[in-house]
């Protein structure tokens, strides 16, 4: 252990030998940020399978992973990001489907003085983690008694996501009824995820199945969200969505639609609740 002003004791959830580099960085609001860098090989397989992946950034809320960004370096020095909201079922399911589990060590920090007496007035809360090919770096912010200084945008929100104008509950009920009339349900995946685009005008297009097998269930979900057209094609497709909005107005975004066939025959549908990128990706 390294003794400076504090003795830091880590409780590690994984039984492994780790070498930690500890750094304190002072912020403008007089709080301290503790940087903990650990060697990591558990996530190397993700990087081996995705050669252009530069790092995985994870934000925490109440000491639990909350949302994730994958940063890729593509050709011509261009980069792209993939965003996953871990509280949105479609994102969490798609993340596991594409990349498998992300291994996170859970370092719980206890602060003691160098004389071994517990300093109950000094606590740290985990803010973020960055996983690279060989390391995982955690950032903790120090909390002071009677002070609660929060970041200006802890959720990372850039605007309002696209929202369905109608009732998702009515679609769920309709789908459950239609599925109950299908006798042979063999080969139906109980969970499907669709990707789609919602235009500035609120029209959904390019809806495609991205997780799950095509089946009666997936077909019914897709039909339920396909924009209505008149038989002669004289009118534009129905604008069934509120477009995503940022400070400069409506924007076209990508969305994901999650549908689950529950064991009791009911159906659950979820759409995005937050917009953390200007494109929705």
Foldseek 3Di string as FASTA:
>chain_A
DDADQWDKDWDWPDPDDWDWDWDWDADPVRKIKIKIKIWDQPQLVLCVVPVQWFKKKFFDDPLHTAKIKTWGQDPPRDIDIDIAGCVFVLRVVVCCVVRNDDDDIRIAIFIDGPVGHGDPQWHWGWTMWMDGNTMIMTMIIIDGPPDDDDDPCSPLFQFFAKFFQDDPQVLQVVLLVVVVPDDDPPQFDQKWKWKWKQALLQAIDPIDTDDGDDDPSVVSVVVVRHFDADPVRPDDTDRRINAIAGPVGGHMAMWMKMWGQDPVSTIDITIDGGANDRRSD
